[in-house]
Amino acid sequence: MASLCVGNWWEKIRELAEVLDLVVDHVYRELNALADFMASQGLESSTDLLFLSDFPTRLEGLACLDRIEIPYVRIDQL
């Protein structure tokens, strides 16, 4: 049942994207480290997180790298 709901949701997004002339594309986590970090924070938290100031140090660092266009390289630990 859940996959059917997601399918309907995704189809609606695709219909709207066609009308608005949007392009939806896949981006690897390493190319969107800010979103990956925030998604991880959301998954690890049992409450909603809202940062208006006093951002986590890691988030500030990733934003700085992104702003000056230095790629973030993830190294998996064995």
N, C-alpha and C. Protein backbone atom coordinates (compact mmCIF):
# COMPACT_ATOMS: atom_id res chain seq x y z
N MET A 1 0.82 -1.20 0.00
CA MET A 1 0.00 0.00 0.00
C MET A 1 0.86 1.26 0.00
N ALA A 2 1.94 1.26 0.79
CA ALA A 2 2.81 2.44 0.87
C ALA A 2 3.44 2.74 -0.48
N SER A 3 3.86 1.70 -1.22
CA SER A 3 4.48 1.94 -2.52
C SER A 3 3.49 2.54 -3.52
N LEU A 4 2.21 2.18 -3.39
CA LEU A 4 1.19 2.76 -4.26
C LEU A 4 1.04 4.25 -3.97
N CYS A 5 1.07 4.63 -2.70
CA CYS A 5 0.97 6.05 -2.33
C CYS A 5 2.15 6.84 -2.86
N VAL A 6 3.34 6.27 -2.75
CA VAL A 6 4.55 6.95 -3.25
C VAL A 6 4.48 7.07 -4.77
N GLY A 7 3.98 6.01 -5.42
CA GLY A 7 3.85 6.06 -6.89
C GLY A 7 2.92 7.17 -7.33
N ASN A 8 1.79 7.33 -6.65
CA ASN A 8 0.85 8.40 -6.98
C ASN A 8 1.48 9.77 -6.74
N TRP A 9 2.18 9.89 -5.64
CA TRP A 9 2.86 11.13 -5.29
C TRP A 9 3.90 11.49 -6.35
N TRP A 10 4.70 10.50 -6.77
CA TRP A 10 5.74 10.72 -7.76
C TRP A 10 5.15 11.10 -9.11
N GLU A 11 4.06 10.45 -9.50
CA GLU A 11 3.41 10.79 -10.77
C GLU A 11 2.91 12.22 -10.76
N LYS A 12 2.34 12.66 -9.65
CA LYS A 12 1.86 14.04 -9.54
C LYS A 12 3.02 15.03 -9.69
N ILE A 13 4.15 14.73 -9.07
CA ILE A 13 5.34 15.58 -9.20
C ILE A 13 5.80 15.64 -10.65
N ARG A 14 5.81 14.49 -11.32
CA ARG A 14 6.24 14.46 -12.72
C ARG A 14 5.31 15.28 -13.61
N GLU A 15 4.00 15.20 -13.35
CA GLU A 15 3.04 16.00 -14.12
C GLU A 15 3.28 17.49 -13.91
N LEU A 16 3.49 17.89 -12.68
CA LEU A 16 3.75 19.31 -12.39
C LEU A 16 5.07 19.77 -13.00
N ALA A 17 6.08 18.90 -12.96
CA ALA A 17 7.39 19.25 -13.51
C ALA A 17 7.30 19.49 -15.02
N GLU A 18 6.47 18.72 -15.72
CA GLU A 18 6.31 18.92 -17.17
C GLU A 18 5.71 20.28 -17.46
N VAL A 19 4.70 20.67 -16.69
CA VAL A 19 4.04 21.96 -16.90
C VAL A 19 4.98 23.11 -16.58
N LEU A 20 5.80 22.95 -15.54
CA LEU A 20 6.70 24.02 -15.11
C LEU A 20 8.05 23.99 -15.81
N ASP A 21 8.24 23.04 -16.72
CA ASP A 21 9.50 22.91 -17.45
C ASP A 21 10.68 22.72 -16.49
N LEU A 22 10.52 21.81 -15.52
CA LEU A 22 11.56 21.48 -14.56
C LEU A 22 12.31 20.24 -15.00
N VAL A 23 13.52 20.12 -14.54
CA VAL A 23 14.31 18.92 -14.78
C VAL A 23 14.63 18.31 -13.42
N VAL A 24 14.30 17.04 -13.25
CA VAL A 24 14.61 16.32 -12.02
C VAL A 24 15.69 15.31 -12.37
N ASP A 25 16.78 15.33 -11.62
CA ASP A 25 17.91 14.47 -11.93
C ASP A 25 18.48 13.91 -10.64
N HIS A 26 19.17 12.81 -10.75
CA HIS A 26 19.82 12.16 -9.61
C HIS A 26 21.15 12.83 -9.32
N VAL A 27 21.45 13.01 -8.06
CA VAL A 27 22.75 13.55 -7.64
C VAL A 27 23.28 12.64 -6.54
N TYR A 28 24.53 12.19 -6.68
CA TYR A 28 25.14 11.36 -5.65
C TYR A 28 25.29 12.14 -4.35
N ARG A 29 25.25 11.44 -3.24
CA ARG A 29 25.35 12.08 -1.92
C ARG A 29 26.56 12.99 -1.81
N GLU A 30 27.67 12.57 -2.36
CA GLU A 30 28.90 13.35 -2.24
C GLU A 30 28.76 14.71 -2.92
N LEU A 31 27.89 14.82 -3.91
CA LEU A 31 27.70 16.10 -4.59
C LEU A 31 26.68 16.98 -3.88
N ASN A 32 25.98 16.43 -2.91
CA ASN A 32 25.00 17.20 -2.16
C ASN A 32 25.15 16.88 -0.68
N ALA A 33 26.36 17.10 -0.18
CA ALA A 33 26.70 16.73 1.19
C ALA A 33 25.84 17.47 2.22
N LEU A 34 25.43 18.71 1.91
CA LEU A 34 24.59 19.45 2.85
C LEU A 34 23.25 18.75 3.06
N ALA A 35 22.60 18.38 1.98
CA ALA A 35 21.31 17.70 2.09
C ALA A 35 21.48 16.34 2.75
N ASP A 36 22.56 15.63 2.44
CA ASP A 36 22.82 14.33 3.05
C ASP A 36 22.99 14.47 4.56
N PHE A 37 23.73 15.48 4.99
CA PHE A 37 23.93 15.70 6.42
C PHE A 37 22.61 16.02 7.11
N MET A 38 21.81 16.91 6.51
CA MET A 38 20.54 17.29 7.14
C MET A 38 19.56 16.11 7.17
N ALA A 39 19.56 15.29 6.11
CA ALA A 39 18.70 14.11 6.10
C ALA A 39 19.13 13.13 7.19
N SER A 40 20.42 12.96 7.37
CA SER A 40 20.93 12.07 8.42
C SER A 40 20.53 12.58 9.80
N GLN A 41 20.61 13.90 9.99
CA GLN A 41 20.21 14.49 11.27
C GLN A 41 18.73 14.22 11.54
N GLY A 42 17.92 14.37 10.50
CA GLY A 42 16.50 14.13 10.65
C GLY A 42 16.18 12.69 10.99
N LEU A 43 16.91 11.76 10.38
CA LEU A 43 16.69 10.34 10.66
C LEU A 43 17.11 9.96 12.08
N GLU A 44 18.15 10.61 12.58
CA GLU A 44 18.67 10.29 13.91
C GLU A 44 17.88 10.95 15.03
N SER A 45 17.06 11.94 14.71
CA SER A 45 16.33 12.69 15.73
C SER A 45 14.90 12.18 15.85
N SER A 46 14.37 12.23 17.07
CA SER A 46 12.97 11.83 17.27
C SER A 46 12.05 13.05 17.23
N THR A 47 12.62 14.24 17.03
CA THR A 47 11.82 15.46 16.93
C THR A 47 12.24 16.24 15.70
N ASP A 48 11.44 17.23 15.33
CA ASP A 48 11.80 18.10 14.21
C ASP A 48 12.98 18.98 14.61
N LEU A 49 13.89 19.21 13.65
CA LEU A 49 15.04 20.08 13.90
C LEU A 49 14.87 21.34 13.08
N LEU A 50 15.09 22.49 13.68
CA LEU A 50 15.01 23.76 13.00
C LEU A 50 16.22 24.59 13.40
N PHE A 51 17.05 24.92 12.41
CA PHE A 51 18.25 25.71 12.68
C PHE A 51 18.05 27.11 12.11
N LEU A 52 17.90 28.09 12.98
CA LEU A 52 17.81 29.48 12.56
C LEU A 52 19.13 30.20 12.82
N SER A 53 19.89 29.68 13.76
CA SER A 53 21.22 30.18 14.09
C SER A 53 21.92 29.06 14.86
N ASP A 54 23.15 29.26 15.22
CA ASP A 54 23.92 28.23 15.92
C ASP A 54 23.87 26.89 15.19
N PHE A 55 24.25 26.93 13.93
CA PHE A 55 24.25 25.72 13.11
C PHE A 55 25.30 24.74 13.61
N PRO A 56 25.07 23.44 13.43
CA PRO A 56 26.10 22.46 13.78
C PRO A 56 27.40 22.77 13.01
N THR A 57 28.52 22.57 13.66
CA THR A 57 29.83 22.87 13.06
C THR A 57 30.02 22.15 11.73
N ARG A 58 29.63 20.88 11.69
CA ARG A 58 29.79 20.11 10.44
C ARG A 58 28.97 20.71 9.31
N LEU A 59 27.76 21.18 9.60
CA LEU A 59 26.90 21.79 8.59
C LEU A 59 27.54 23.08 8.08
N GLU A 60 28.09 23.87 8.97
CA GLU A 60 28.77 25.10 8.55
C GLU A 60 29.97 24.80 7.66
N GLY A 61 30.73 23.77 8.04
CA GLY A 61 31.90 23.39 7.24
C GLY A 61 31.52 22.91 5.85
N LEU A 62 30.49 22.08 5.77
CA LEU A 62 30.02 21.60 4.47
C LEU A 62 29.50 22.75 3.61
N ALA A 63 28.80 23.70 4.24
CA ALA A 63 28.29 24.86 3.51
C ALA A 63 29.44 25.71 2.97
N CYS A 64 30.48 25.85 3.76
CA CYS A 64 31.66 26.61 3.33
C CYS A 64 32.32 25.95 2.12
N LEU A 65 32.50 24.64 2.19
CA LEU A 65 33.09 23.91 1.06
C LEU A 65 32.22 24.05 -0.19
N ASP A 66 30.92 23.97 -0.01
CA ASP A 66 30.00 24.08 -1.14
C ASP A 66 30.07 25.48 -1.75
N ARG A 67 30.12 26.49 -0.91
CA ARG A 67 30.14 27.88 -1.38
C ARG A 67 31.39 28.17 -2.21
N ILE A 68 32.54 27.62 -1.82
CA ILE A 68 33.76 27.88 -2.58
C ILE A 68 34.06 26.79 -3.60
N GLU A 69 33.04 25.93 -3.83
CA GLU A 69 33.07 24.90 -4.87
C GLU A 69 34.20 23.89 -4.72
N ILE A 70 34.49 23.51 -3.47
CA ILE A 70 35.44 22.44 -3.21
C ILE A 70 34.63 21.17 -2.96
N PRO A 71 34.88 20.12 -3.73
CA PRO A 71 34.09 18.91 -3.55
C PRO A 71 34.35 18.23 -2.21
N TYR A 72 33.32 17.65 -1.68
CA TYR A 72 33.42 16.87 -0.44
C TYR A 72 33.65 15.42 -0.82
N VAL A 73 34.67 14.80 -0.27
CA VAL A 73 34.98 13.41 -0.57
C VAL A 73 34.71 12.60 0.68
N ARG A 74 33.81 11.64 0.56
CA ARG A 74 33.46 10.78 1.68
C ARG A 74 34.41 9.57 1.67
N ILE A 75 35.01 9.30 2.81
CA ILE A 75 35.89 8.14 2.93
C ILE A 75 35.23 7.19 3.92
N ASP A 76 34.80 6.04 3.42
CA ASP A 76 34.18 5.05 4.30
C ASP A 76 35.25 4.38 5.14
N GLN A 77 34.95 4.25 6.43
CA GLN A 77 35.88 3.57 7.31
C GLN A 77 35.57 2.08 7.29
N LEU A 78 36.59 1.28 7.26
CA LEU A 78 36.41 -0.17 7.21
C LEU A 78 36.06 -0.73 8.56
